[in-house]
Amino acid sequence: MHQLITDGDFKAGFEAGFRAIRGKVAALPAYPAAPATKANMTPYLMGVRKGIERATGKSIDEITG
């Protein structure tokens, strides 16, 4: 059964971002505290960003150039 993910779910976004880089079998690190939501973003998207940053060890700005 599929689980519904809401835009306000930072933890689900963090997991999605982390697993997109490291894969499903990688151990998931502890969830960071949810940062303040930026303009035009949702907590879920902020979580995806943080997950990618944690998986790569770089900030999003370094990755995107």
C-alpha atoms as a PDB file:
ATOM      1  CA  MET A   1       0.000   0.000   0.000  1.00  0.00           C
ATOM      2  CA  HIS A   2       1.295   3.454  -0.880  1.00  0.00           C
ATOM      3  CA  GLN A   3       1.664   6.083   1.801  1.00  0.00           C
ATOM      4  CA  LEU A   4       0.428   9.586   1.087  1.00  0.00           C
ATOM      5  CA  ILE A   5       3.112  12.262   1.546  1.00  0.00           C
ATOM      6  CA  THR A   6       2.034  15.798   2.313  1.00  0.00           C
ATOM      7  CA  ASP A   7       3.871  19.001   1.422  1.00  0.00           C
ATOM      8  CA  GLY A   8       4.417  19.621   5.132  1.00  0.00           C
ATOM      9  CA  ASP A   9       6.399  16.423   5.744  1.00  0.00           C
ATOM     10  CA  PHE A  10      10.067  17.466   6.170  1.00  0.00           C
ATOM     11  CA  LYS A  11      11.204  14.005   7.294  1.00  0.00           C
ATOM     12  CA  ALA A  12       9.730  12.297   4.230  1.00  0.00           C
ATOM     13  CA  GLY A  13      11.457  14.860   2.010  1.00  0.00           C
ATOM     14  CA  PHE A  14      14.781  14.331   3.785  1.00  0.00           C
ATOM     15  CA  GLU A  15      14.528  10.582   3.295  1.00  0.00           C
ATOM     16  CA  ALA A  16      13.587  10.965  -0.387  1.00  0.00           C
ATOM     17  CA  GLY A  17      16.526  13.299  -1.061  1.00  0.00           C
ATOM     18  CA  PHE A  18      19.019  11.134   0.809  1.00  0.00           C
ATOM     19  CA  ARG A  19      17.864   7.910  -0.828  1.00  0.00           C
ATOM     20  CA  ALA A  20      17.856   9.500  -4.297  1.00  0.00           C
ATOM     21  CA  ILE A  21      21.635   9.873  -3.959  1.00  0.00           C
ATOM     22  CA  ARG A  22      22.653   6.932  -1.757  1.00  0.00           C
ATOM     23  CA  GLY A  23      19.997   4.361  -2.677  1.00  0.00           C
ATOM     24  CA  LYS A  24      17.454   2.416  -0.664  1.00  0.00           C
ATOM     25  CA  VAL A  25      19.911   0.148   1.151  1.00  0.00           C
ATOM     26  CA  ALA A  26      22.051   2.935   2.646  1.00  0.00           C
ATOM     27  CA  ALA A  27      21.599   3.546   6.356  1.00  0.00           C
ATOM     28  CA  LEU A  28      19.532   6.659   6.921  1.00  0.00           C
ATOM     29  CA  PRO A  29      21.242   9.181   9.240  1.00  0.00           C
ATOM     30  CA  ALA A  30      19.439  11.000  12.032  1.00  0.00           C
ATOM     31  CA  TYR A  31      16.947  13.566  10.801  1.00  0.00           C
ATOM     32  CA  PRO A  32      18.150  17.162  11.174  1.00  0.00           C
ATOM     33  CA  ALA A  33      15.956  19.848  12.632  1.00  0.00           C
ATOM     34  CA  ALA A  34      13.617  21.321  10.056  1.00  0.00           C
ATOM     35  CA  PRO A  35      14.877  24.735   8.910  1.00  0.00           C
ATOM     36  CA  ALA A  36      12.652  27.719   8.269  1.00  0.00           C
ATOM     37  CA  THR A  37      10.809  27.280   4.994  1.00  0.00           C
ATOM     38  CA  LYS A  38      12.095  29.547   2.231  1.00  0.00           C
ATOM     39  CA  ALA A  39       9.854  31.433  -0.183  1.00  0.00           C
ATOM     40  CA  ASN A  40       8.315  29.262  -2.917  1.00  0.00           C
ATOM     41  CA  MET A  41       9.267  26.073  -1.033  1.00  0.00           C
ATOM     42  CA  THR A  42       7.409  23.577   1.135  1.00  0.00           C
ATOM     43  CA  PRO A  43       8.752  21.718   4.171  1.00  0.00           C
ATOM     44  CA  TYR A  44       8.881  18.579   1.981  1.00  0.00           C
ATOM     45  CA  LEU A  45      11.072  20.293  -0.617  1.00  0.00           C
ATOM     46  CA  MET A  46      13.304  21.708   2.117  1.00  0.00           C
ATOM     47  CA  GLY A  47      13.702  18.142   3.375  1.00  0.00           C
ATOM     48  CA  VAL A  48      14.690  16.926  -0.091  1.00  0.00           C
ATOM     49  CA  ARG A  49      17.349  19.641  -0.245  1.00  0.00           C
ATOM     50  CA  LYS A  50      18.741  18.727   3.186  1.00  0.00           C
ATOM     51  CA  GLY A  51      18.717  15.016   2.303  1.00  0.00           C
ATOM     52  CA  ILE A  52      20.729  15.653  -0.851  1.00  0.00           C
ATOM     53  CA  GLU A  53      23.151  17.859   1.063  1.00  0.00           C
ATOM     54  CA  ARG A  54      23.652  15.187   3.730  1.00  0.00           C
ATOM     55  CA  ALA A  55      24.130  12.423   1.148  1.00  0.00           C
ATOM     56  CA  THR A  56      26.702  14.351  -0.885  1.00  0.00           C
ATOM     57  CA  GLY A  57      28.412  16.252   1.906  1.00  0.00           C
ATOM     58  CA  LYS A  58      28.002  19.471  -0.086  1.00  0.00           C
ATOM     59  CA  SER A  59      25.553  22.355   0.027  1.00  0.00           C
ATOM     60  CA  ILE A  60      22.948  22.641  -2.708  1.00  0.00           C
ATOM     61  CA  ASP A  61      24.645  25.829  -3.901  1.00  0.00           C
ATOM     62  CA  GLU A  62      27.910  23.903  -4.467  1.00  0.00           C
ATOM     63  CA  ILE A  63      26.083  21.182  -6.376  1.00  0.00           C
ATOM     64  CA  THR A  64      24.035  23.430  -8.623  1.00  0.00           C
ATOM     65  CA  GLY A  65      26.828  25.912  -9.226  1.00  0.00           C
END
